[in-house]
Structure formats: C-alpha cells, structure tokens
C-alpha cells in the first residue's frame, strides 16, 4: 500500500524528529504523502507530514534509546 517512493523523504528505518512534538521516531512507511513514525523501542505509530521532520542528532538518538532501555528495565510497558 506504499505510495511511490519520494527521493526527498527519509528511507524506511531512518530516525527523525517530529518537530511538532519534539519526539524521536523511526520511519516505518509512507502513505498518502505522510510518514508513518513509530517511537524508538516500539509503540503506537503516528502520521507526520514530511515538512514537520528533521534528522536526529546522535545525542537525540542515543537519548531515545537509553530512555527506552531504562523504561524496559523498570518493567514499564512501551
């Protein structure tokens, strides 16, 4: 159900920041011109317009991974 790939969009698997919420997400798919993002470590996907994303910095990517690992170690459900 993917639309045609757009060379200007980040590839599936890339980590980006949704600038509307300042949330790090992993690109899972594109559909009807929107990116489908999932939180680092899993969770509910959300749609994001391409103009509302930017690449993550290495620090942001690391922070999201550490936060997920800490939550998992506390037994929190993601």
C-alpha atoms as a PDB file:
ATOM      1  CA  UNK A   1       0.000   0.000   0.000  1.00  0.00           C
ATOM      2  CA  UNK A   2       3.012   2.291  -0.272  1.00  0.00           C
ATOM      3  CA  UNK A   3       2.871   5.315  -2.491  1.00  0.00           C
ATOM      4  CA  UNK A   4       5.656   5.726  -4.979  1.00  0.00           C
ATOM      5  CA  UNK A   5       8.961   6.351  -3.152  1.00  0.00           C
ATOM      6  CA  UNK A   6       9.957  10.004  -2.973  1.00  0.00           C
ATOM      7  CA  UNK A   7      13.693  10.663  -3.103  1.00  0.00           C
ATOM      8  CA  UNK A   8      13.252  13.655  -0.780  1.00  0.00           C
ATOM      9  CA  UNK A   9      11.766  11.570   2.030  1.00  0.00           C
ATOM     10  CA  UNK A  10      13.948   9.741   4.560  1.00  0.00           C
ATOM     11  CA  UNK A  11      14.193   5.990   3.961  1.00  0.00           C
ATOM     12  CA  UNK A  12      12.316   3.406   5.983  1.00  0.00           C
ATOM     13  CA  UNK A  13      14.310   2.745   9.148  1.00  0.00           C
ATOM     14  CA  UNK A  14      15.691   6.285   9.454  1.00  0.00           C
ATOM     15  CA  UNK A  15      15.329   8.123  12.761  1.00  0.00           C
ATOM     16  CA  UNK A  16      13.791  11.575  12.626  1.00  0.00           C
ATOM     17  CA  UNK A  17      12.362  14.188  14.974  1.00  0.00           C
ATOM     18  CA  UNK A  18       8.725  15.205  14.622  1.00  0.00           C
ATOM     19  CA  UNK A  19       9.179  18.929  15.166  1.00  0.00           C
ATOM     20  CA  UNK A  20       5.514  19.368  16.128  1.00  0.00           C
ATOM     21  CA  UNK A  21       6.029  17.329  19.302  1.00  0.00           C
ATOM     22  CA  UNK A  22       9.848  17.155  19.540  1.00  0.00           C
ATOM     23  CA  UNK A  23       9.516  13.349  19.502  1.00  0.00           C
ATOM     24  CA  UNK A  24      12.067  10.945  18.007  1.00  0.00           C
ATOM     25  CA  UNK A  25      10.536   8.344  15.742  1.00  0.00           C
ATOM     26  CA  UNK A  26      11.634   5.706  13.275  1.00  0.00           C
ATOM     27  CA  UNK A  27      10.237   5.896   9.756  1.00  0.00           C
ATOM     28  CA  UNK A  28       8.131   2.779   9.200  1.00  0.00           C
ATOM     29  CA  UNK A  29       6.353   3.598   5.948  1.00  0.00           C
ATOM     30  CA  UNK A  30       4.869   6.348   3.808  1.00  0.00           C
ATOM     31  CA  UNK A  31       1.230   6.558   2.920  1.00  0.00           C
ATOM     32  CA  UNK A  32      -0.609   9.286   1.020  1.00  0.00           C
ATOM     33  CA  UNK A  33       2.347  11.635   1.359  1.00  0.00           C
ATOM     34  CA  UNK A  34       2.657  11.222   5.133  1.00  0.00           C
ATOM     35  CA  UNK A  35       5.423   9.483   7.028  1.00  0.00           C
ATOM     36  CA  UNK A  36       4.373   6.808   9.472  1.00  0.00           C
ATOM     37  CA  UNK A  37       6.628   7.033  12.521  1.00  0.00           C
ATOM     38  CA  UNK A  38       6.994   4.712  15.494  1.00  0.00           C
ATOM     39  CA  UNK A  39       8.610   5.613  18.815  1.00  0.00           C
ATOM     40  CA  UNK A  40      12.062   4.218  19.497  1.00  0.00           C
ATOM     41  CA  UNK A  41      11.537   0.906  21.291  1.00  0.00           C
ATOM     42  CA  UNK A  42       8.065   0.363  19.838  1.00  0.00           C
ATOM     43  CA  UNK A  43       4.644   1.704  20.452  1.00  0.00           C
ATOM     44  CA  UNK A  44       1.809   3.216  18.515  1.00  0.00           C
ATOM     45  CA  UNK A  45       2.655   4.673  15.104  1.00  0.00           C
ATOM     46  CA  UNK A  46       1.627   8.176  14.148  1.00  0.00           C
ATOM     47  CA  UNK A  47       1.432  10.094  10.896  1.00  0.00           C
ATOM     48  CA  UNK A  48       3.653  13.071  10.276  1.00  0.00           C
ATOM     49  CA  UNK A  49       3.861  15.406   7.294  1.00  0.00           C
ATOM     50  CA  UNK A  50       7.337  15.455   5.730  1.00  0.00           C
ATOM     51  CA  UNK A  51       7.703  19.195   6.309  1.00  0.00           C
ATOM     52  CA  UNK A  52       7.436  18.606  10.081  1.00  0.00           C
ATOM     53  CA  UNK A  53      10.508  16.381  10.399  1.00  0.00           C
ATOM     54  CA  UNK A  54      14.231  16.840  10.719  1.00  0.00           C
ATOM     55  CA  UNK A  55      17.068  14.345  11.124  1.00  0.00           C
ATOM     56  CA  UNK A  56      18.019  13.351  14.656  1.00  0.00           C
ATOM     57  CA  UNK A  57      21.321  14.325  16.145  1.00  0.00           C
ATOM     58  CA  UNK A  58      23.463  11.498  17.515  1.00  0.00           C
ATOM     59  CA  UNK A  59      22.676  12.713  21.045  1.00  0.00           C
ATOM     60  CA  UNK A  60      18.900  12.668  20.427  1.00  0.00           C
ATOM     61  CA  UNK A  61      19.077   9.152  19.006  1.00  0.00           C
ATOM     62  CA  UNK A  62      21.148   7.944  21.961  1.00  0.00           C
ATOM     63  CA  UNK A  63      18.846   9.645  24.468  1.00  0.00           C
ATOM     64  CA  UNK A  64      15.758   7.985  22.963  1.00  0.00           C
ATOM     65  CA  UNK A  65      17.422   4.558  23.081  1.00  0.00           C
ATOM     66  CA  UNK A  66      18.587   4.971  26.682  1.00  0.00           C
ATOM     67  CA  UNK A  67      15.150   6.184  27.798  1.00  0.00           C
ATOM     68  CA  UNK A  68      13.586   3.113  26.193  1.00  0.00           C
ATOM     69  CA  UNK A  69      16.112   0.766  27.818  1.00  0.00           C
ATOM     70  CA  UNK A  70      15.531   2.355  31.227  1.00  0.00           C
ATOM     71  CA  UNK A  71      11.750   2.055  30.900  1.00  0.00           C
ATOM     72  CA  UNK A  72      12.087  -1.587  29.879  1.00  0.00           C
ATOM     73  CA  UNK A  73      14.359  -2.334  32.828  1.00  0.00           C
ATOM     74  CA  UNK A  74      11.742  -0.861  35.189  1.00  0.00           C
ATOM     75  CA  UNK A  75       9.148  -3.198  33.682  1.00  0.00           C
ATOM     76  CA  UNK A  76       7.211  -0.413  32.035  1.00  0.00           C
ATOM     77  CA  UNK A  77       5.162  -1.322  29.050  1.00  0.00           C
ATOM     78  CA  UNK A  78       6.057   0.535  25.873  1.00  0.00           C
END
